[in-house]
Amino acid sequence: MPSGEHWHQALLEQMANEVPGVRPAVIGGEAQTALNELRRFRHVVRNAYTYDFDLVKLETIINILPIAEAHVNKELSAFADFLEAIAQD
């Protein structure tokens, strides 16, 4: 498990990388990109109390949510299938 100031970003990177001979990537590039965009937005909101929201950027984030959800659900389901296959061996 990553630690430090950028652990969220490091975790996404780890999840998007295959570990040869151990496991496939947990999430793919599209999910990683969408989740990273949401992570960056969350960071701005949490750390800038006086931040003036760019409505175009906010609309982009809102549009990313269902895309991210679809990719993450599909990819986590595929990873769960991988784990089930290992458990049956």
PDB file of N, CA and C in Angstrom:
ATOM      1  N   MET A   1       0.855  -1.176   0.000  1.00  0.00           N
ATOM      2  CA  MET A   1       0.000   0.000   0.000  1.00  0.00           C
ATOM      3  C   MET A   1       0.899   1.236   0.000  1.00  0.00           C
ATOM      4  N   PRO A   2       0.682   2.133  -0.952  1.00  0.00           N
ATOM      5  CA  PRO A   2       1.489   3.348  -0.994  1.00  0.00           C
ATOM      6  C   PRO A   2       1.232   4.236   0.220  1.00  0.00           C
ATOM      7  N   SER A   3       2.215   5.048   0.512  1.00  0.00           N
ATOM      8  CA  SER A   3       2.062   6.006   1.596  1.00  0.00           C
ATOM      9  C   SER A   3       2.653   7.330   1.142  1.00  0.00           C
ATOM     10  N   GLY A   4       2.527   8.312   1.994  1.00  0.00           N
ATOM     11  CA  GLY A   4       3.084   9.616   1.669  1.00  0.00           C
ATOM     12  C   GLY A   4       2.046  10.559   1.103  1.00  0.00           C
ATOM     13  N   GLU A   5       2.524  11.693   0.686  1.00  0.00           N
ATOM     14  CA  GLU A   5       1.652  12.779   0.245  1.00  0.00           C
ATOM     15  C   GLU A   5       0.838  12.432  -1.004  1.00  0.00           C
ATOM     16  N   HIS A   6       1.399  11.629  -1.893  1.00  0.00           N
ATOM     17  CA  HIS A   6       0.733  11.332  -3.167  1.00  0.00           C
ATOM     18  C   HIS A   6       0.244   9.885  -3.238  1.00  0.00           C
ATOM     19  N   TRP A   7      -0.197   9.345  -2.093  1.00  0.00           N
ATOM     20  CA  TRP A   7      -0.535   7.925  -2.064  1.00  0.00           C
ATOM     21  C   TRP A   7      -1.734   7.591  -2.933  1.00  0.00           C
ATOM     22  N   HIS A   8      -2.688   8.519  -3.092  1.00  0.00           N
ATOM     23  CA  HIS A   8      -3.850   8.231  -3.942  1.00  0.00           C
ATOM     24  C   HIS A   8      -3.408   8.015  -5.396  1.00  0.00           C
ATOM     25  N   GLN A   9      -2.547   8.894  -5.859  1.00  0.00           N
ATOM     26  CA  GLN A   9      -2.051   8.796  -7.222  1.00  0.00           C
ATOM     27  C   GLN A   9      -1.225   7.523  -7.406  1.00  0.00           C
ATOM     28  N   ALA A  10      -0.375   7.223  -6.446  1.00  0.00           N
ATOM     29  CA  ALA A  10       0.452   6.019  -6.521  1.00  0.00           C
ATOM     30  C   ALA A  10      -0.410   4.756  -6.520  1.00  0.00           C
ATOM     31  N   LEU A  11      -1.480   4.752  -5.745  1.00  0.00           N
ATOM     32  CA  LEU A  11      -2.373   3.597  -5.703  1.00  0.00           C
ATOM     33  C   LEU A  11      -3.039   3.374  -7.059  1.00  0.00           C
ATOM     34  N   LEU A  12      -3.508   4.448  -7.685  1.00  0.00           N
ATOM     35  CA  LEU A  12      -4.094   4.315  -9.022  1.00  0.00           C
ATOM     36  C   LEU A  12      -3.083   3.755 -10.013  1.00  0.00           C
ATOM     37  N   GLU A  13      -1.850   4.243  -9.935  1.00  0.00           N
ATOM     38  CA  GLU A  13      -0.810   3.747 -10.833  1.00  0.00           C
ATOM     39  C   GLU A  13      -0.535   2.268 -10.591  1.00  0.00           C
ATOM     40  N   GLN A  14      -0.463   1.865  -9.328  1.00  0.00           N
ATOM     41  CA  GLN A  14      -0.233   0.446  -9.017  1.00  0.00           C
ATOM     42  C   GLN A  14      -1.376  -0.417  -9.534  1.00  0.00           C
ATOM     43  N   MET A  15      -2.599   0.060  -9.355  1.00  0.00           N
ATOM     44  CA  MET A  15      -3.758  -0.719  -9.797  1.00  0.00           C
ATOM     45  C   MET A  15      -3.822  -0.844 -11.321  1.00  0.00           C
ATOM     46  N   ALA A  16      -3.241   0.112 -12.036  1.00  0.00           N
ATOM     47  CA  ALA A  16      -3.281   0.095 -13.492  1.00  0.00           C
ATOM     48  C   ALA A  16      -2.135  -0.713 -14.099  1.00  0.00           C
ATOM     49  N   ASN A  17      -1.219  -1.173 -13.267  1.00  0.00           N
ATOM     50  CA  ASN A  17      -0.076  -1.946 -13.761  1.00  0.00           C
ATOM     51  C   ASN A  17      -0.257  -3.431 -13.493  1.00  0.00           C
ATOM     52  N   GLU A  18       0.045  -4.215 -14.500  1.00  0.00           N
ATOM     53  CA  GLU A  18       0.086  -5.668 -14.330  1.00  0.00           C
ATOM     54  C   GLU A  18       1.316  -6.023 -13.508  1.00  0.00           C
ATOM     55  N   VAL A  19       1.179  -7.030 -12.682  1.00  0.00           N
ATOM     56  CA  VAL A  19       2.332  -7.586 -11.977  1.00  0.00           C
ATOM     57  C   VAL A  19       2.560  -8.953 -12.624  1.00  0.00           C
ATOM     58  N   PRO A  20       3.519  -9.029 -13.553  1.00  0.00           N
ATOM     59  CA  PRO A  20       3.711 -10.271 -14.311  1.00  0.00           C
ATOM     60  C   PRO A  20       3.873 -11.497 -13.411  1.00  0.00           C
ATOM     61  N   GLY A  21       3.126 -12.527 -13.756  1.00  0.00           N
ATOM     62  CA  GLY A  21       3.176 -13.763 -12.999  1.00  0.00           C
ATOM     63  C   GLY A  21       2.384 -13.741 -11.707  1.00  0.00           C
ATOM     64  N   VAL A  22       1.808 -12.581 -11.362  1.00  0.00           N
ATOM     65  CA  VAL A  22       1.056 -12.457 -10.115  1.00  0.00           C
ATOM     66  C   VAL A  22      -0.396 -12.097 -10.384  1.00  0.00           C
ATOM     67  N   ARG A  23      -0.601 -10.979 -11.103  1.00  0.00           N
ATOM     68  CA  ARG A  23      -1.967 -10.531 -11.355  1.00  0.00           C
ATOM     69  C   ARG A  23      -1.998  -9.610 -12.566  1.00  0.00           C
ATOM     70  N   PRO A  24      -3.160  -9.535 -13.208  1.00  0.00           N
ATOM     71  CA  PRO A  24      -3.318  -8.538 -14.273  1.00  0.00           C
ATOM     72  C   PRO A  24      -3.538  -7.165 -13.639  1.00  0.00           C
ATOM     73  N   ALA A  25      -3.559  -6.148 -14.465  1.00  0.00           N
ATOM     74  CA  ALA A  25      -3.924  -4.816 -13.967  1.00  0.00           C
ATOM     75  C   ALA A  25      -5.341  -4.900 -13.403  1.00  0.00           C
ATOM     76  N   VAL A  26      -5.576  -4.219 -12.302  1.00  0.00           N
ATOM     77  CA  VAL A  26      -6.908  -4.212 -11.684  1.00  0.00           C
ATOM     78  C   VAL A  26      -7.828  -3.300 -12.471  1.00  0.00           C
ATOM     79  N   ILE A  27      -7.307  -2.162 -12.902  1.00  0.00           N
ATOM     80  CA  ILE A  27      -8.074  -1.227 -13.721  1.00  0.00           C
ATOM     81  C   ILE A  27      -7.280  -0.916 -14.975  1.00  0.00           C
ATOM     82  N   GLY A  28      -7.987  -0.564 -16.037  1.00  0.00           N
ATOM     83  CA  GLY A  28      -7.339  -0.224 -17.293  1.00  0.00           C
ATOM     84  C   GLY A  28      -7.068   1.262 -17.401  1.00  0.00           C
ATOM     85  N   GLY A  29      -6.475   1.628 -18.506  1.00  0.00           N
ATOM     86  CA  GLY A  29      -6.084   3.008 -18.729  1.00  0.00           C
ATOM     87  C   GLY A  29      -7.229   4.000 -18.699  1.00  0.00           C
ATOM     88  N   GLU A  30      -8.371   3.632 -19.277  1.00  0.00           N
ATOM     89  CA  GLU A  30      -9.506   4.556 -19.301  1.00  0.00           C
ATOM     90  C   GLU A  30     -10.048   4.801 -17.902  1.00  0.00           C
ATOM     91  N   ALA A  31     -10.142   3.757 -17.113  1.00  0.00           N
ATOM     92  CA  ALA A  31     -10.604   3.924 -15.730  1.00  0.00           C
ATOM     93  C   ALA A  31      -9.595   4.739 -14.939  1.00  0.00           C
ATOM     94  N   GLN A  32      -8.309   4.457 -15.138  1.00  0.00           N
ATOM     95  CA  GLN A  32      -7.275   5.197 -14.425  1.00  0.00           C
ATOM     96  C   GLN A  32      -7.343   6.683 -14.776  1.00  0.00           C
ATOM     97  N   THR A  33      -7.505   6.985 -16.048  1.00  0.00           N
ATOM     98  CA  THR A  33      -7.586   8.385 -16.479  1.00  0.00           C
ATOM     99  C   THR A  33      -8.781   9.083 -15.848  1.00  0.00           C
ATOM    100  N   ALA A  34      -9.941   8.433 -15.889  1.00  0.00           N
ATOM    101  CA  ALA A  34     -11.152   9.038 -15.317  1.00  0.00           C
ATOM    102  C   ALA A  34     -11.026   9.203 -13.809  1.00  0.00           C
ATOM    103  N   LEU A  35     -10.537   8.168 -13.128  1.00  0.00           N
ATOM    104  CA  LEU A  35     -10.389   8.249 -11.674  1.00  0.00           C
ATOM    105  C   LEU A  35      -9.341   9.288 -11.277  1.00  0.00           C
ATOM    106  N   ASN A  36      -8.303   9.419 -12.069  1.00  0.00           N
ATOM    107  CA  ASN A  36      -7.272  10.409 -11.764  1.00  0.00           C
ATOM    108  C   ASN A  36      -7.828  11.827 -11.916  1.00  0.00           C
ATOM    109  N   GLU A  37      -8.663  12.029 -12.918  1.00  0.00           N
ATOM    110  CA  GLU A  37      -9.300  13.341 -13.100  1.00  0.00           C
ATOM    111  C   GLU A  37     -10.197  13.666 -11.901  1.00  0.00           C
ATOM    112  N   LEU A  38     -10.951  12.692 -11.444  1.00  0.00           N
ATOM    113  CA  LEU A  38     -11.802  12.887 -10.266  1.00  0.00           C
ATOM    114  C   LEU A  38     -10.956  13.119  -9.016  1.00  0.00           C
ATOM    115  N   ARG A  39      -9.832  12.411  -8.908  1.00  0.00           N
ATOM    116  CA  ARG A  39      -8.931  12.583  -7.768  1.00  0.00           C
ATOM    117  C   ARG A  39      -8.370  14.002  -7.740  1.00  0.00           C
ATOM    118  N   ARG A  40      -7.953  14.502  -8.897  1.00  0.00           N
ATOM    119  CA  ARG A  40      -7.412  15.871  -8.959  1.00  0.00           C
ATOM    120  C   ARG A  40      -8.467  16.891  -8.558  1.00  0.00           C
ATOM    121  N   PHE A  41      -9.701  16.706  -9.040  1.00  0.00           N
ATOM    122  CA  PHE A  41     -10.781  17.629  -8.697  1.00  0.00           C
ATOM    123  C   PHE A  41     -11.047  17.598  -7.193  1.00  0.00           C
ATOM    124  N   ARG A  42     -11.084  16.409  -6.612  1.00  0.00           N
ATOM    125  CA  ARG A  42     -11.294  16.272  -5.167  1.00  0.00           C
ATOM    126  C   ARG A  42     -10.205  17.003  -4.395  1.00  0.00           C
ATOM    127  N   HIS A  43      -8.979  16.883  -4.855  1.00  0.00           N
ATOM    128  CA  HIS A  43      -7.861  17.550  -4.190  1.00  0.00           C
ATOM    129  C   HIS A  43      -8.056  19.069  -4.199  1.00  0.00           C
ATOM    130  N   VAL A  44      -8.469  19.609  -5.331  1.00  0.00           N
ATOM    131  CA  VAL A  44      -8.690  21.057  -5.435  1.00  0.00           C
ATOM    132  C   VAL A  44      -9.803  21.490  -4.487  1.00  0.00           C
ATOM    133  N   VAL A  45     -10.896  20.759  -4.483  1.00  0.00           N
ATOM    134  CA  VAL A  45     -12.035  21.118  -3.640  1.00  0.00           C
ATOM    135  C   VAL A  45     -11.680  21.042  -2.166  1.00  0.00           C
ATOM    136  N   ARG A  46     -10.952  20.000  -1.767  1.00  0.00           N
ATOM    137  CA  ARG A  46     -10.598  19.839  -0.346  1.00  0.00           C
ATOM    138  C   ARG A  46      -9.574  20.853   0.146  1.00  0.00           C
ATOM    139  N   ASN A  47      -8.763  21.359  -0.761  1.00  0.00           N
ATOM    140  CA  ASN A  47      -7.653  22.209  -0.348  1.00  0.00           C
ATOM    141  C   ASN A  47      -7.806  23.684  -0.707  1.00  0.00           C
ATOM    142  N   ALA A  48      -8.871  24.043  -1.346  1.00  0.00           N
ATOM    143  CA  ALA A  48      -9.052  25.442  -1.751  1.00  0.00           C
ATOM    144  C   ALA A  48     -10.462  25.891  -1.376  1.00  0.00           C
ATOM    145  N   TYR A  49     -10.613  26.310  -0.140  1.00  0.00           N
ATOM    146  CA  TYR A  49     -11.935  26.684   0.355  1.00  0.00           C
ATOM    147  C   TYR A  49     -12.519  27.887  -0.370  1.00  0.00           C
ATOM    148  N   THR A  50     -11.675  28.735  -0.903  1.00  0.00           N
ATOM    149  CA  THR A  50     -12.166  29.929  -1.600  1.00  0.00           C
ATOM    150  C   THR A  50     -12.100  29.761  -3.105  1.00  0.00           C
ATOM    151  N   TYR A  51     -11.959  28.543  -3.573  1.00  0.00           N
ATOM    152  CA  TYR A  51     -11.811  28.250  -4.992  1.00  0.00           C
ATOM    153  C   TYR A  51     -13.067  28.657  -5.747  1.00  0.00           C
ATOM    154  N   ASP A  52     -12.893  29.422  -6.820  1.00  0.00           N
ATOM    155  CA  ASP A  52     -13.996  29.747  -7.725  1.00  0.00           C
ATOM    156  C   ASP A  52     -14.103  28.623  -8.744  1.00  0.00           C
ATOM    157  N   PHE A  53     -15.226  27.946  -8.752  1.00  0.00           N
ATOM    158  CA  PHE A  53     -15.394  26.819  -9.650  1.00  0.00           C
ATOM    159  C   PHE A  53     -15.549  27.283 -11.089  1.00  0.00           C
ATOM    160  N   ASP A  54     -14.807  26.634 -11.950  1.00  0.00           N
ATOM    161  CA  ASP A  54     -14.944  26.823 -13.388  1.00  0.00           C
ATOM    162  C   ASP A  54     -16.106  25.927 -13.803  1.00  0.00           C
ATOM    163  N   LEU A  55     -17.201  26.532 -14.222  1.00  0.00           N
ATOM    164  CA  LEU A  55     -18.402  25.750 -14.528  1.00  0.00           C
ATOM    165  C   LEU A  55     -18.186  24.768 -15.674  1.00  0.00           C
ATOM    166  N   VAL A  56     -17.336  25.113 -16.622  1.00  0.00           N
ATOM    167  CA  VAL A  56     -17.045  24.185 -17.717  1.00  0.00           C
ATOM    168  C   VAL A  56     -16.298  22.968 -17.168  1.00  0.00           C
ATOM    169  N   LYS A  57     -15.323  23.219 -16.296  1.00  0.00           N
ATOM    170  CA  LYS A  57     -14.578  22.115 -15.682  1.00  0.00           C
ATOM    171  C   LYS A  57     -15.502  21.256 -14.810  1.00  0.00           C
ATOM    172  N   LEU A  58     -16.385  21.911 -14.075  1.00  0.00           N
ATOM    173  CA  LEU A  58     -17.328  21.181 -13.236  1.00  0.00           C
ATOM    174  C   LEU A  58     -18.248  20.307 -14.091  1.00  0.00           C
ATOM    175  N   GLU A  59     -18.686  20.820 -15.215  1.00  0.00           N
ATOM    176  CA  GLU A  59     -19.531  20.026 -16.119  1.00  0.00           C
ATOM    177  C   GLU A  59     -18.751  18.831 -16.660  1.00  0.00           C
ATOM    178  N   THR A  60     -17.477  19.041 -16.962  1.00  0.00           N
ATOM    179  CA  THR A  60     -16.633  17.944 -17.432  1.00  0.00           C
ATOM    180  C   THR A  60     -16.535  16.858 -16.372  1.00  0.00           C
ATOM    181  N   ILE A  61     -16.333  17.265 -15.128  1.00  0.00           N
ATOM    182  CA  ILE A  61     -16.242  16.303 -14.024  1.00  0.00           C
ATOM    183  C   ILE A  61     -17.556  15.536 -13.873  1.00  0.00           C
ATOM    184  N   ILE A  62     -18.663  16.239 -13.953  1.00  0.00           N
ATOM    185  CA  ILE A  62     -19.973  15.585 -13.841  1.00  0.00           C
ATOM    186  C   ILE A  62     -20.156  14.564 -14.954  1.00  0.00           C
ATOM    187  N   ASN A  63     -19.682  14.886 -16.151  1.00  0.00           N
ATOM    188  CA  ASN A  63     -19.811  13.961 -17.277  1.00  0.00           C
ATOM    189  C   ASN A  63     -18.874  12.768 -17.164  1.00  0.00           C
ATOM    190  N   ILE A  64     -17.766  12.938 -16.454  1.00  0.00           N
ATOM    191  CA  ILE A  64     -16.804  11.835 -16.263  1.00  0.00           C
ATOM    192  C   ILE A  64     -17.357  10.783 -15.310  1.00  0.00           C
ATOM    193  N   LEU A  65     -18.173  11.193 -14.350  1.00  0.00           N
ATOM    194  CA  LEU A  65     -18.646  10.257 -13.317  1.00  0.00           C
ATOM    195  C   LEU A  65     -19.268   8.977 -13.867  1.00  0.00           C
ATOM    196  N   PRO A  66     -20.265   9.054 -14.755  1.00  0.00           N
ATOM    197  CA  PRO A  66     -20.853   7.790 -15.228  1.00  0.00           C
ATOM    198  C   PRO A  66     -19.877   6.963 -16.069  1.00  0.00           C
ATOM    199  N   ILE A  67     -18.976   7.633 -16.774  1.00  0.00           N
ATOM    200  CA  ILE A  67     -17.966   6.915 -17.563  1.00  0.00           C
ATOM    201  C   ILE A  67     -17.030   6.166 -16.631  1.00  0.00           C
ATOM    202  N   ALA A  68     -16.556   6.867 -15.602  1.00  0.00           N
ATOM    203  CA  ALA A  68     -15.667   6.229 -14.623  1.00  0.00           C
ATOM    204  C   ALA A  68     -16.368   5.060 -13.957  1.00  0.00           C
ATOM    205  N   GLU A  69     -17.610   5.250 -13.562  1.00  0.00           N
ATOM    206  CA  GLU A  69     -18.351   4.181 -12.892  1.00  0.00           C
ATOM    207  C   GLU A  69     -18.463   2.945 -13.785  1.00  0.00           C
ATOM    208  N   ALA A  70     -18.792   3.157 -15.057  1.00  0.00           N
ATOM    209  CA  ALA A  70     -18.941   2.027 -15.970  1.00  0.00           C
ATOM    210  C   ALA A  70     -17.626   1.280 -16.145  1.00  0.00           C
ATOM    211  N   HIS A  71     -16.540   2.013 -16.353  1.00  0.00           N
ATOM    212  CA  HIS A  71     -15.235   1.368 -16.533  1.00  0.00           C
ATOM    213  C   HIS A  71     -14.797   0.638 -15.267  1.00  0.00           C
ATOM    214  N   VAL A  72     -14.934   1.295 -14.139  1.00  0.00           N
ATOM    215  CA  VAL A  72     -14.485   0.684 -12.879  1.00  0.00           C
ATOM    216  C   VAL A  72     -15.310  -0.559 -12.568  1.00  0.00           C
ATOM    217  N   ASN A  73     -16.619  -0.486 -12.723  1.00  0.00           N
ATOM    218  CA  ASN A  73     -17.461  -1.665 -12.465  1.00  0.00           C
ATOM    219  C   ASN A  73     -17.068  -2.834 -13.355  1.00  0.00           C
ATOM    220  N   LYS A  74     -16.863  -2.575 -14.647  1.00  0.00           N
ATOM    221  CA  LYS A  74     -16.498  -3.634 -15.587  1.00  0.00           C
ATOM    222  C   LYS A  74     -15.138  -4.228 -15.228  1.00  0.00           C
ATOM    223  N   GLU A  75     -14.186  -3.366 -14.933  1.00  0.00           N
ATOM    224  CA  GLU A  75     -12.828  -3.845 -14.678  1.00  0.00           C
ATOM    225  C   GLU A  75     -12.692  -4.536 -13.322  1.00  0.00           C
ATOM    226  N   LEU A  76     -13.401  -4.049 -12.316  1.00  0.00           N
ATOM    227  CA  LEU A  76     -13.377  -4.738 -11.022  1.00  0.00           C
ATOM    228  C   LEU A  76     -14.075  -6.087 -11.109  1.00  0.00           C
ATOM    229  N   SER A  77     -15.111  -6.165 -11.920  1.00  0.00           N
ATOM    230  CA  SER A  77     -15.786  -7.446 -12.125  1.00  0.00           C
ATOM    231  C   SER A  77     -14.846  -8.440 -12.807  1.00  0.00           C
ATOM    232  N   ALA A  78     -14.098  -7.978 -13.793  1.00  0.00           N
ATOM    233  CA  ALA A  78     -13.132  -8.843 -14.470  1.00  0.00           C
ATOM    234  C   ALA A  78     -12.030  -9.283 -13.500  1.00  0.00           C
ATOM    235  N   PHE A  79     -11.592  -8.387 -12.627  1.00  0.00           N
ATOM    236  CA  PHE A  79     -10.564  -8.750 -11.654  1.00  0.00           C
ATOM    237  C   PHE A  79     -11.121  -9.746 -10.643  1.00  0.00           C
ATOM    238  N   ALA A  80     -12.376  -9.570 -10.245  1.00  0.00           N
ATOM    239  CA  ALA A  80     -13.013 -10.538  -9.338  1.00  0.00           C
ATOM    240  C   ALA A  80     -13.090 -11.908  -9.995  1.00  0.00           C
ATOM    241  N   ASP A  81     -13.380 -11.942 -11.299  1.00  0.00           N
ATOM    242  CA  ASP A  81     -13.391 -13.216 -12.030  1.00  0.00           C
ATOM    243  C   ASP A  81     -12.000 -13.858 -12.010  1.00  0.00           C
ATOM    244  N   PHE A  82     -10.968 -13.033 -12.181  1.00  0.00           N
ATOM    245  CA  PHE A  82      -9.588 -13.533 -12.105  1.00  0.00           C
ATOM    246  C   PHE A  82      -9.319 -14.158 -10.743  1.00  0.00           C
ATOM    247  N   LEU A  83      -9.717 -13.469  -9.679  1.00  0.00           N
ATOM    248  CA  LEU A  83      -9.501 -13.992  -8.318  1.00  0.00           C
ATOM    249  C   LEU A  83     -10.280 -15.278  -8.085  1.00  0.00           C
ATOM    250  N   GLU A  84     -11.510 -15.353  -8.596  1.00  0.00           N
ATOM    251  CA  GLU A  84     -12.299 -16.577  -8.453  1.00  0.00           C
ATOM    252  C   GLU A  84     -11.644 -17.742  -9.180  1.00  0.00           C
ATOM    253  N   ALA A  85     -11.083 -17.464 -10.349  1.00  0.00           N
ATOM    254  CA  ALA A  85     -10.412 -18.525 -11.111  1.00  0.00           C
ATOM    255  C   ALA A  85      -9.193 -19.038 -10.348  1.00  0.00           C
ATOM    256  N   ILE A  86      -8.453 -18.150  -9.705  1.00  0.00           N
ATOM    257  CA  ILE A  86      -7.300 -18.563  -8.902  1.00  0.00           C
ATOM    258  C   ILE A  86      -7.756 -19.410  -7.719  1.00  0.00           C
ATOM    259  N   ALA A  87      -8.835 -18.991  -7.082  1.00  0.00           N
ATOM    260  CA  ALA A  87      -9.340 -19.701  -5.907  1.00  0.00           C
ATOM    261  C   ALA A  87      -9.776 -21.128  -6.267  1.00  0.00           C
ATOM    262  N   GLN A  88     -10.232 -21.320  -7.494  1.00  0.00           N
ATOM    263  CA  GLN A  88     -10.700 -22.639  -7.906  1.00  0.00           C
ATOM    264  C   GLN A  88      -9.565 -23.570  -8.307  1.00  0.00           C
ATOM    265  N   ASP A  89      -8.386 -23.019  -8.545  1.00  0.00           N
ATOM    266  CA  ASP A  89      -7.229 -23.853  -8.938  1.00  0.00           C
ATOM    267  C   ASP A  89      -6.669 -24.637  -7.791  1.00  0.00           C
TER     268      ASP A  89
END
